[in-house]
Amino acid sequence: MIDRIGLAEFLRTRRELLQPEDVGLPRGSRRRTSGLRREEVAALAHMSVDYYARLERERGPQPSEQMLASIAQGLHLSHAERDHLFRLAGHTPPAQGSESEHVSPGLLRVLDRLDDTPAEIVTELGETLRQSPMGVALTGDTASLRGPERSLGVRWFTAPASRRLYAPRDHDFLSRMFASGLREIATARGPGSRAAALAEHLLARSDEFRTLWAAHEVGLRPTEVKHFLHPEVGELELHCQQLVDPGNAHSLLVYTAIPGSESADKLRLLSVIGAQTLG
């Protein structure tokens, strides 16, 4: 059963504890509230202001689990706080561990400070959970995808257009790497895991994946240097640095170019194109 009073009080206190800079928002010169505004939380949680405001006023329908997960991420809640939020709303908290999609507040705080750099937070299955604005400009809005196609590995084998973003000379290695990585994860997580389900999904849909899966190749790892073929700025040679949250099997991937290089110039151009697109 939903605890409307407790839910409203918890949401208000957590909102008031956050500052705009904590979540990557500008402070502005006329701010009077001590923490975030309701409309800012609603935007971060991808919901209407009216819906969120009703929750803080002890009104409205019982929020769904998906809605609660969005609020938890928008408020940068810890795992314990997220679980408490679910219980107040009358739901069982989602499982923690390798299949959790709740990004830790620490990883989010780092991402929020990377507005001028392509960056993304991904699961061990290559599912994008969050992106910086430049990350969207580089690879498109992959965080909004749902279903098996959220995984880059799945799109690689089932949606040929997804390969256009990567230099053809790297395609063979990437195919082997995706199959190798999925085999390792499926073995580690076991039958019934999301990794095992994705493997079955691909085995039923891709001849190339079936051939690579049958080879039982393991141990391939991503290279630090990535070669992107962006439709507007051309080829980019970017170095990928990885920050891992082992508790959730999430990784923050940050893409940078060597200062003074042609790719660095193209990244600056991409930042302008991305800003114009968002505008």
Protein backbone atom coordinates (compact mmCIF):
# COMPACT_ATOMS: atom_id res chain seq x y z
CA MET A 1 0.00 0.00 0.00
CA ILE A 2 1.24 3.45 -0.88
CA ASP A 3 2.28 5.75 1.98
CA ARG A 4 1.32 9.08 0.44
CA ILE A 5 2.48 11.25 3.32
CA GLY A 6 5.82 9.47 3.65
CA LEU A 7 6.34 9.50 -0.12
CA ALA A 8 5.61 13.21 -0.39
CA GLU A 9 7.91 14.09 2.52
CA PHE A 10 10.72 11.92 1.19
CA LEU A 11 10.52 13.46 -2.28
CA ARG A 12 10.49 17.01 -0.89
CA THR A 13 13.46 16.46 1.42
CA ARG A 14 15.57 14.83 -1.28
CA ARG A 15 14.71 17.53 -3.80
CA GLU A 16 15.63 20.30 -1.35
CA LEU A 17 18.99 18.68 -0.60
CA LEU A 18 20.10 18.84 -4.24
CA GLN A 19 21.67 21.91 -5.85
CA PRO A 20 21.48 22.55 -9.61
CA GLU A 21 25.21 22.01 -10.01
CA ASP A 22 24.83 18.58 -8.36
CA VAL A 23 22.82 17.38 -11.35
CA GLY A 24 24.53 19.32 -14.14
CA LEU A 25 22.07 22.23 -14.29
CA PRO A 26 22.92 25.96 -14.33
CA ARG A 27 22.12 27.80 -11.11
CA GLY A 28 20.84 31.01 -12.67
CA SER A 29 20.82 34.44 -11.08
CA ARG A 30 17.28 34.57 -9.65
CA ARG A 31 17.07 31.32 -7.73
CA ARG A 32 15.14 31.58 -4.47
CA THR A 33 14.57 27.94 -3.59
CA SER A 34 17.19 26.22 -1.43
CA GLY A 35 17.30 23.13 -3.62
CA LEU A 36 15.96 22.00 -6.98
CA ARG A 37 12.64 23.25 -8.30
CA ARG A 38 9.85 20.77 -8.97
CA GLU A 39 10.05 21.46 -12.70
CA GLU A 40 13.76 20.64 -12.68
CA VAL A 41 13.17 17.28 -11.02
CA ALA A 42 10.33 16.56 -13.44
CA ALA A 43 12.62 17.29 -16.40
CA LEU A 44 15.39 15.11 -14.98
CA ALA A 45 12.89 12.28 -14.44
CA HIS A 46 11.27 12.74 -17.90
CA MET A 47 7.76 13.34 -16.59
CA SER A 48 5.26 16.19 -16.45
CA VAL A 49 5.60 18.84 -13.77
CA ASP A 50 1.95 18.34 -12.80
CA TYR A 51 2.46 14.60 -12.21
CA TYR A 52 5.51 15.13 -10.02
CA ALA A 53 3.90 18.02 -8.11
CA ARG A 54 0.88 15.87 -7.26
CA LEU A 55 3.15 13.26 -5.68
CA GLU A 56 4.69 15.90 -3.42
CA ARG A 57 1.15 17.08 -2.53
CA GLU A 58 0.06 13.57 -1.51
CA ARG A 59 -2.20 13.23 -4.53
CA GLY A 60 -2.39 11.45 -7.88
CA PRO A 61 -2.32 7.76 -8.85
CA GLN A 62 0.14 5.25 -7.48
CA PRO A 63 3.35 5.71 -9.52
CA SER A 64 4.51 2.75 -11.58
CA GLU A 65 7.84 1.02 -11.03
CA GLN A 66 9.17 2.59 -14.24
CA MET A 67 8.13 6.04 -13.03
CA LEU A 68 9.77 5.47 -9.65
CA ALA A 69 12.99 4.35 -11.31
CA SER A 70 13.04 7.58 -13.34
CA ILE A 71 12.43 9.68 -10.22
CA ALA A 72 15.20 7.84 -8.36
CA GLN A 73 17.68 8.60 -11.14
CA GLY A 74 16.50 12.20 -11.45
CA LEU A 75 17.04 12.77 -7.74
CA HIS A 76 20.39 10.92 -7.81
CA LEU A 77 19.24 8.54 -5.08
CA SER A 78 21.53 5.90 -3.63
CA HIS A 79 20.46 2.25 -3.83
CA ALA A 80 19.15 2.36 -0.25
CA GLU A 81 17.19 5.55 -0.99
CA ARG A 82 15.80 4.10 -4.21
CA ASP A 83 14.60 0.99 -2.36
CA HIS A 84 12.98 3.17 0.31
CA LEU A 85 11.21 5.18 -2.41
CA PHE A 86 9.80 1.98 -3.93
CA ARG A 87 8.51 0.76 -0.57
CA LEU A 88 6.87 4.10 0.23
CA ALA A 89 5.07 3.88 -3.13
CA GLY A 90 3.87 0.34 -2.38
CA HIS A 91 6.24 -1.57 -4.66
CA THR A 92 8.93 -4.19 -4.11
CA PRO A 93 12.37 -2.70 -4.83
CA PRO A 94 14.09 -4.02 -7.96
CA ALA A 95 16.98 -6.42 -7.59
CA GLN A 96 20.49 -5.05 -7.22
CA GLY A 97 23.58 -6.40 -8.91
CA SER A 98 24.71 -6.97 -12.47
CA GLU A 99 21.24 -6.55 -14.02
CA SER A 100 20.33 -3.36 -12.16
CA GLU A 101 19.77 -0.25 -14.29
CA HIS A 102 19.99 2.19 -11.39
CA VAL A 103 23.13 4.29 -11.92
CA SER A 104 25.05 5.19 -8.76
CA PRO A 105 24.98 8.88 -7.74
CA GLY A 106 28.78 9.08 -7.93
CA LEU A 107 28.87 7.95 -11.54
CA LEU A 108 26.06 10.36 -12.41
CA ARG A 109 27.90 13.26 -10.78
CA VAL A 110 30.93 12.60 -12.97
CA LEU A 111 28.79 12.37 -16.12
CA ASP A 112 26.95 15.60 -15.25
CA ARG A 113 30.27 17.46 -15.42
CA LEU A 114 31.12 16.26 -18.93
CA ASP A 115 28.94 18.56 -21.02
CA ASP A 116 31.75 19.30 -23.50
CA THR A 117 32.89 15.68 -23.89
CA PRO A 118 31.26 12.61 -25.49
CA ALA A 119 30.46 10.26 -22.63
CA GLU A 120 27.96 7.56 -21.76
CA ILE A 121 27.11 5.14 -18.96
CA VAL A 122 26.56 1.58 -20.20
CA THR A 123 25.73 -1.81 -18.74
CA GLU A 124 27.93 -4.85 -19.20
CA LEU A 125 25.63 -5.77 -22.11
CA GLY A 126 26.34 -2.53 -23.97
CA GLU A 127 23.01 -0.89 -23.08
CA THR A 128 23.28 2.89 -22.81
CA LEU A 129 21.69 4.21 -19.61
CA ARG A 130 22.79 7.85 -19.72
CA GLN A 131 24.63 10.11 -22.19
CA SER A 132 26.24 13.52 -22.09
CA PRO A 133 24.95 16.03 -24.69
CA MET A 134 28.12 15.43 -26.71
CA GLY A 135 27.56 11.69 -26.38
CA VAL A 136 24.20 12.12 -28.09
CA ALA A 137 25.83 14.26 -30.79
CA LEU A 138 28.41 11.53 -31.43
CA THR A 139 26.33 8.32 -31.45
CA GLY A 140 22.71 9.49 -31.42
CA ASP A 141 20.17 9.09 -28.63
CA THR A 142 20.81 5.45 -27.75
CA ALA A 143 19.69 5.85 -24.11
CA SER A 144 16.05 6.10 -25.22
CA LEU A 145 16.05 2.68 -26.91
CA ARG A 146 14.11 -0.18 -25.31
CA GLY A 147 14.02 -3.95 -25.63
CA PRO A 148 16.91 -6.09 -26.90
CA GLU A 149 17.89 -3.33 -29.34
CA ARG A 150 19.14 -1.27 -26.39
CA SER A 151 22.30 -3.38 -26.57
CA LEU A 152 24.86 -2.23 -29.12
CA GLY A 153 25.85 -5.86 -29.63
CA VAL A 154 22.28 -6.79 -30.58
CA ARG A 155 21.97 -3.83 -32.95
CA TRP A 156 25.32 -4.73 -34.48
CA PHE A 157 24.02 -8.10 -35.65
CA THR A 158 20.38 -7.26 -36.34
CA ALA A 159 20.42 -3.64 -37.62
CA PRO A 160 23.11 -3.23 -40.31
CA ALA A 161 22.73 0.57 -40.28
CA SER A 162 24.24 0.64 -36.77
CA ARG A 163 27.63 -0.29 -38.27
CA ARG A 164 27.85 2.87 -40.35
CA LEU A 165 29.11 4.79 -37.32
CA TYR A 166 32.27 2.65 -37.17
CA ALA A 167 35.17 2.42 -39.62
CA PRO A 168 34.83 -0.66 -41.88
CA ARG A 169 38.37 -1.80 -41.05
CA ASP A 170 37.20 -2.45 -37.47
CA HIS A 171 34.01 -4.36 -38.30
CA ASP A 172 35.40 -7.89 -38.22
CA PHE A 173 37.07 -7.38 -34.86
CA LEU A 174 33.97 -5.74 -33.38
CA SER A 175 31.78 -8.64 -34.50
CA ARG A 176 34.12 -11.13 -32.82
CA MET A 177 34.40 -8.96 -29.70
CA PHE A 178 30.63 -8.60 -29.24
CA ALA A 179 30.09 -12.36 -29.60
CA SER A 180 33.04 -13.14 -27.32
CA GLY A 181 31.93 -10.69 -24.63
CA LEU A 182 28.34 -11.92 -24.63
CA ARG A 183 29.49 -15.54 -24.28
CA GLU A 184 31.60 -14.65 -21.24
CA ILE A 185 28.80 -12.69 -19.57
CA ALA A 186 26.14 -15.32 -20.34
CA THR A 187 28.37 -18.00 -18.82
CA ALA A 188 29.08 -15.89 -15.73
CA ARG A 189 25.44 -14.88 -15.14
CA GLY A 190 23.99 -18.28 -16.02
CA PRO A 191 20.75 -19.55 -17.59
CA GLY A 192 17.80 -17.23 -17.14
CA SER A 193 19.97 -14.11 -17.17
CA ARG A 194 19.44 -11.21 -19.55
CA ALA A 195 22.76 -12.09 -21.19
CA ALA A 196 21.54 -15.62 -21.92
CA ALA A 197 18.28 -14.21 -23.30
CA LEU A 198 20.16 -11.85 -25.62
CA ALA A 199 22.29 -14.73 -26.87
CA GLU A 200 19.15 -16.75 -27.69
CA HIS A 201 17.67 -13.68 -29.37
CA LEU A 202 20.71 -13.31 -31.63
CA LEU A 203 21.05 -17.04 -32.36
CA ALA A 204 17.54 -16.94 -33.79
CA ARG A 205 18.16 -13.87 -35.95
CA SER A 206 21.76 -13.66 -37.19
CA ASP A 207 23.75 -16.15 -39.27
CA GLU A 208 26.94 -14.20 -38.56
CA PHE A 209 26.35 -14.35 -34.81
CA ARG A 210 25.65 -18.12 -34.95
CA THR A 211 28.97 -18.68 -36.74
CA LEU A 212 30.92 -16.59 -34.24
CA TRP A 213 29.09 -18.13 -31.26
CA ALA A 214 30.01 -21.60 -32.46
CA ALA A 215 33.70 -20.63 -32.41
CA HIS A 216 33.60 -20.26 -28.58
CA GLU A 217 36.09 -17.38 -28.73
CA VAL A 218 36.58 -15.54 -25.43
CA GLY A 219 38.98 -12.97 -24.02
CA LEU A 220 38.64 -10.22 -26.63
CA ARG A 221 38.59 -6.74 -25.16
CA PRO A 222 37.77 -3.29 -26.63
CA THR A 223 40.69 -1.28 -27.95
CA GLU A 224 41.41 2.12 -26.42
CA VAL A 225 41.34 3.87 -29.81
CA LYS A 226 37.95 4.00 -31.54
CA HIS A 227 37.36 5.02 -35.15
CA PHE A 228 33.97 6.67 -35.71
CA LEU A 229 32.49 7.72 -39.05
CA HIS A 230 30.17 10.57 -38.17
CA PRO A 231 27.70 11.56 -40.93
CA GLU A 232 28.44 15.30 -40.51
CA VAL A 233 32.08 15.65 -39.43
CA GLY A 234 33.61 12.53 -40.98
CA GLU A 235 36.13 10.17 -39.39
CA LEU A 236 37.06 10.66 -35.75
CA GLU A 237 39.88 8.90 -33.94
CA LEU A 238 38.97 8.98 -30.26
CA HIS A 239 40.52 7.47 -27.16
CA CYS A 240 38.08 5.75 -24.82
CA GLN A 241 38.69 5.85 -21.06
CA GLN A 242 36.57 3.64 -18.80
CA LEU A 243 35.48 4.15 -15.20
CA VAL A 244 33.85 1.01 -13.78
CA ASP A 245 31.25 0.67 -11.03
CA PRO A 246 31.79 -3.00 -10.11
CA GLY A 247 28.75 -3.15 -7.83
CA ASN A 248 26.38 -2.62 -10.75
CA ALA A 249 28.58 -3.73 -13.66
CA HIS A 250 28.16 -0.25 -15.13
CA SER A 251 30.88 1.67 -16.95
CA LEU A 252 31.33 5.35 -17.69
CA LEU A 253 32.94 5.67 -21.13
CA VAL A 254 34.62 8.98 -21.97
CA TYR A 255 35.81 9.73 -25.52
CA THR A 256 38.62 12.24 -26.07
CA ALA A 257 40.84 13.32 -28.97
CA ILE A 258 44.54 14.11 -28.89
CA PRO A 259 44.91 17.90 -28.44
CA GLY A 260 45.77 19.66 -31.69
CA SER A 261 44.71 16.72 -33.83
CA GLU A 262 42.23 16.80 -36.69
CA SER A 263 39.84 14.76 -34.57
CA ALA A 264 40.02 17.40 -31.82
CA ASP A 265 38.97 20.04 -34.34
CA LYS A 266 36.12 17.82 -35.50
CA LEU A 267 34.96 17.33 -31.91
CA ARG A 268 34.74 21.10 -31.49
CA LEU A 269 32.69 21.29 -34.68
CA LEU A 270 30.49 18.48 -33.41
CA SER A 271 29.83 20.39 -30.19
CA VAL A 272 28.49 23.31 -32.28
CA ILE A 273 26.35 21.01 -34.44
CA GLY A 274 25.04 19.24 -31.34
CA ALA A 275 24.13 22.52 -29.63
CA GLN A 276 22.28 23.71 -32.73
CA THR A 277 20.38 20.42 -32.96
CA LEU A 278 19.34 20.57 -29.30
CA GLY A 279 18.35 24.20 -29.73
